[in-house]
Amino acid sequence: MISASALFFLTAGALAGILTAYFVSGKTGKIPNGRDLILRLSVSGILLGAIFCAGSYCFSWALQARFSGLSVLLLAVSLYDIDIRKIPNRLILAALVLFGLTCVFIKDLLPALAGAAILGGGTLLISIAADRIFRRRSIGGGDLKLLFIAGLYLHTGKGILCLTAACLLAMTGLLLRRKKEIAFGPYISASILLCAFFGDAVLEWYTAL
């Protein structure tokens, strides 16, 4: 039996997902009205509803607020990246503002900055080296900024796990879709949320080996 609070978050998440998908689709103009748009709205609503609801069981109220807000932004990031292969800077800025507001209650500024520096800075250096070796752009600027956000929210251990998961998911996507390039933002976004929920358990399992 679902609790009243979980039902509230389920409903709030579903509405947030539908509205976010509708707004982004209107901005990009890539999904016309009709069956495709209805499918996008339905999937977005189900996903965010499930995330909001699961967060009510797994997180404290402060973490629930942080990752519920972040999930809305990550959905927008994913849809923009799918539609126009671009992650708007305003979404990255919104994620920074959200972190700053919730950091007041969670008090994790130092480990968050360390995670952001290691994940964001490390992938930037790797990207620069890869660009020079292969003489082509390996990862977009928006993806690098999103990885900085991943390190900020997840800290160092789960941030590195997030990068690993995103690369594995993206390689799987490339193989299944048989394309040379895909939008990386959705895979990073999915990995951020997966690591937020399951990262601690995975790291505990790994260190116990």
Protein backbone atom coordinates (compact mmCIF):
# COMPACT_ATOMS: atom_id res chain seq x y z
CA MET A 1 0.00 0.00 0.00
CA ILE A 2 1.40 3.39 -1.01
CA SER A 3 1.68 6.11 1.63
CA ALA A 4 0.06 9.51 1.30
CA SER A 5 3.43 11.24 0.98
CA ALA A 6 4.60 8.80 -1.70
CA LEU A 7 1.34 9.32 -3.61
CA PHE A 8 1.86 13.08 -3.42
CA PHE A 9 5.38 12.83 -4.83
CA LEU A 10 4.25 10.37 -7.49
CA THR A 11 1.62 12.83 -8.68
CA ALA A 12 3.94 15.83 -8.42
CA GLY A 13 6.66 14.02 -10.36
CA ALA A 14 4.28 12.92 -13.09
CA LEU A 15 3.01 16.48 -13.54
CA ALA A 16 6.57 17.86 -13.51
CA GLY A 17 7.62 15.35 -16.15
CA ILE A 18 4.70 16.08 -18.44
CA LEU A 19 5.09 19.86 -18.16
CA THR A 20 8.87 19.71 -18.66
CA ALA A 21 8.57 17.52 -21.74
CA TYR A 22 5.83 19.71 -23.20
CA PHE A 23 7.86 22.89 -22.60
CA VAL A 24 11.08 21.54 -24.11
CA SER A 25 9.28 20.03 -27.09
CA GLY A 26 7.66 23.40 -27.76
CA LYS A 27 11.01 25.16 -27.54
CA THR A 28 12.88 22.81 -29.85
CA GLY A 29 9.99 22.19 -32.24
CA LYS A 30 11.34 18.71 -33.01
CA ILE A 31 8.33 16.73 -31.76
CA PRO A 32 5.10 17.80 -33.47
CA ASN A 33 1.67 17.45 -31.90
CA GLY A 34 0.32 13.93 -32.22
CA ARG A 35 1.25 10.40 -31.18
CA ASP A 36 4.99 11.08 -30.76
CA LEU A 37 4.34 13.99 -28.43
CA ILE A 38 1.83 12.00 -26.37
CA LEU A 39 4.36 9.18 -26.06
CA ARG A 40 7.08 11.62 -24.94
CA LEU A 41 4.81 13.24 -22.35
CA SER A 42 3.66 9.86 -21.03
CA VAL A 43 7.17 8.42 -20.68
CA SER A 44 8.47 11.63 -19.05
CA GLY A 45 5.59 11.67 -16.58
CA ILE A 46 6.07 8.02 -15.64
CA LEU A 47 9.82 8.41 -15.21
CA LEU A 48 9.71 11.50 -13.01
CA GLY A 49 6.75 10.17 -11.07
CA ALA A 50 8.73 7.03 -10.25
CA ILE A 51 11.85 9.05 -9.33
CA PHE A 52 9.95 11.43 -7.05
CA CYS A 53 8.12 8.52 -5.40
CA ALA A 54 11.29 6.45 -4.88
CA GLY A 55 13.04 9.48 -3.42
CA SER A 56 10.37 9.83 -0.75
CA TYR A 57 11.39 6.40 0.55
CA CYS A 58 15.17 6.64 0.05
CA PHE A 59 16.16 10.22 0.91
CA SER A 60 15.88 12.72 3.71
CA TRP A 61 13.65 15.70 2.96
CA ALA A 62 16.64 17.83 1.93
CA LEU A 63 18.06 15.18 -0.43
CA GLN A 64 14.55 14.58 -1.75
CA ALA A 65 14.24 18.26 -2.63
CA ARG A 66 17.72 18.28 -4.20
CA PHE A 67 17.34 15.24 -6.39
CA SER A 68 13.69 15.86 -7.29
CA GLY A 69 14.66 19.29 -8.60
CA LEU A 70 17.73 17.87 -10.31
CA SER A 71 15.68 15.15 -12.01
CA VAL A 72 13.47 17.80 -13.62
CA LEU A 73 16.55 19.62 -14.93
CA LEU A 74 18.12 16.37 -16.16
CA LEU A 75 14.96 15.50 -18.06
CA ALA A 76 15.12 18.89 -19.76
CA VAL A 77 18.83 18.41 -20.47
CA SER A 78 18.18 15.01 -22.03
CA LEU A 79 15.34 16.22 -24.25
CA TYR A 80 17.27 19.26 -25.45
CA ASP A 81 20.30 17.11 -26.23
CA ILE A 82 18.19 14.55 -28.10
CA ASP A 83 16.36 17.20 -30.12
CA ILE A 84 19.06 19.76 -30.93
CA ARG A 85 22.33 18.20 -29.68
CA LYS A 86 22.83 21.07 -27.27
CA ILE A 87 22.60 21.49 -23.49
CA PRO A 88 21.50 25.05 -22.65
CA ASN A 89 23.75 26.87 -20.17
CA ARG A 90 20.70 28.06 -18.24
CA LEU A 91 19.99 24.47 -17.18
CA ILE A 92 23.54 24.07 -15.87
CA LEU A 93 23.18 27.38 -14.03
CA ALA A 94 19.85 26.23 -12.56
CA ALA A 95 21.54 23.05 -11.29
CA LEU A 96 24.23 25.16 -9.62
CA VAL A 97 21.60 27.37 -7.97
CA LEU A 98 19.66 24.31 -6.78
CA PHE A 99 22.82 22.84 -5.27
CA GLY A 100 23.61 26.10 -3.50
CA LEU A 101 20.13 26.30 -1.98
CA THR A 102 20.10 22.69 -0.75
CA CYS A 103 23.73 22.83 0.38
CA VAL A 104 22.59 25.10 3.20
CA PHE A 105 20.73 22.13 4.71
CA ILE A 106 22.90 19.21 3.59
CA LYS A 107 26.27 20.91 4.31
CA ASP A 108 28.39 18.96 1.82
CA LEU A 109 30.17 21.82 0.08
CA LEU A 110 33.77 20.59 0.41
CA PRO A 111 33.25 16.99 -0.80
CA ALA A 112 30.99 18.34 -3.54
CA LEU A 113 33.64 20.78 -4.78
CA ALA A 114 36.24 18.02 -4.68
CA GLY A 115 34.01 15.74 -6.72
CA ALA A 116 33.25 18.48 -9.24
CA ALA A 117 36.95 19.34 -9.62
CA ILE A 118 38.03 15.72 -10.08
CA LEU A 119 35.24 14.65 -12.41
CA GLY A 120 34.83 17.87 -14.35
CA GLY A 121 38.53 18.75 -14.47
CA GLY A 122 39.62 15.19 -15.18
CA THR A 123 37.25 14.69 -18.09
CA LEU A 124 38.23 18.10 -19.48
CA LEU A 125 41.91 17.11 -19.55
CA ILE A 126 41.09 13.74 -21.10
CA SER A 127 38.91 15.47 -23.69
CA ILE A 128 41.66 17.92 -24.64
CA ALA A 129 44.17 15.08 -25.04
CA ALA A 130 41.72 13.00 -27.09
CA ASP A 131 40.89 15.98 -29.33
CA ARG A 132 44.57 16.45 -30.16
CA ILE A 133 45.24 12.76 -30.71
CA PHE A 134 42.23 12.05 -32.93
CA ARG A 135 42.01 15.59 -34.37
CA ARG A 136 38.29 15.79 -33.78
CA ARG A 137 36.02 16.82 -30.94
CA SER A 138 35.52 13.91 -28.57
CA ILE A 139 33.00 15.34 -26.10
CA GLY A 140 30.87 18.47 -26.21
CA GLY A 141 31.19 21.42 -23.87
CA GLY A 142 27.68 20.85 -22.53
CA ASP A 143 28.56 17.26 -21.63
CA LEU A 144 31.67 18.44 -19.77
CA LYS A 145 29.59 20.92 -17.79
CA LEU A 146 27.07 18.19 -17.00
CA LEU A 147 29.85 15.94 -15.71
CA PHE A 148 30.96 18.83 -13.48
CA ILE A 149 27.40 18.88 -12.11
CA ALA A 150 27.55 15.10 -11.62
CA GLY A 151 30.68 15.44 -9.49
CA LEU A 152 29.12 18.29 -7.55
CA TYR A 153 26.00 16.35 -6.63
CA LEU A 154 27.49 12.87 -6.27
CA HIS A 155 30.98 13.69 -4.89
CA THR A 156 34.10 11.83 -5.91
CA GLY A 157 33.36 8.11 -5.53
CA LYS A 158 29.85 8.09 -6.96
CA GLY A 159 30.90 10.69 -9.53
CA ILE A 160 33.53 8.37 -10.98
CA LEU A 161 31.00 5.54 -10.87
CA CYS A 162 28.57 7.81 -12.75
CA LEU A 163 31.13 8.50 -15.50
CA THR A 164 31.82 4.78 -15.86
CA ALA A 165 28.12 3.95 -16.03
CA ALA A 166 27.46 6.74 -18.55
CA CYS A 167 30.22 5.48 -20.85
CA LEU A 168 28.96 1.89 -20.64
CA LEU A 169 25.38 2.97 -21.34
CA ALA A 170 26.49 5.16 -24.24
CA MET A 171 28.57 2.38 -25.81
CA THR A 172 25.57 0.06 -25.50
CA GLY A 173 23.42 2.72 -27.16
CA LEU A 174 25.92 3.08 -30.02
CA LEU A 175 25.96 -0.66 -30.63
CA LEU A 176 22.18 -1.03 -30.49
CA ARG A 177 21.44 1.98 -32.68
CA ARG A 178 24.42 1.40 -34.99
CA LYS A 179 25.35 5.06 -35.14
CA LYS A 180 28.72 6.79 -34.99
CA GLU A 181 27.49 9.59 -32.73
CA ILE A 182 24.71 9.88 -30.16
CA ALA A 183 23.61 12.45 -27.63
CA PHE A 184 25.67 11.81 -24.47
CA GLY A 185 23.57 14.01 -22.17
CA PRO A 186 20.74 11.47 -21.61
CA TYR A 187 23.22 8.77 -20.62
CA ILE A 188 24.99 11.07 -18.16
CA SER A 189 21.62 12.16 -16.76
CA ALA A 190 20.43 8.58 -16.30
CA SER A 191 23.73 7.63 -14.65
CA ILE A 192 23.52 10.56 -12.22
CA LEU A 193 20.13 9.41 -10.97
CA LEU A 194 21.09 5.74 -10.89
CA CYS A 195 24.17 6.55 -8.81
CA ALA A 196 22.17 8.83 -6.51
CA PHE A 197 19.92 5.89 -5.61
CA PHE A 198 22.26 2.90 -5.89
CA GLY A 199 25.80 4.35 -5.88
CA ASP A 200 26.49 3.79 -2.18
CA ALA A 201 25.41 0.14 -2.39
CA VAL A 202 27.57 -0.47 -5.47
CA LEU A 203 30.62 1.16 -3.87
CA GLU A 204 30.15 -0.85 -0.66
CA TRP A 205 29.90 -4.04 -2.71
CA TYR A 206 33.02 -3.15 -4.70
CA THR A 207 35.15 -2.27 -1.68
CA ALA A 208 34.09 -5.52 0.02
CA LEU A 209 35.50 -7.67 -2.83
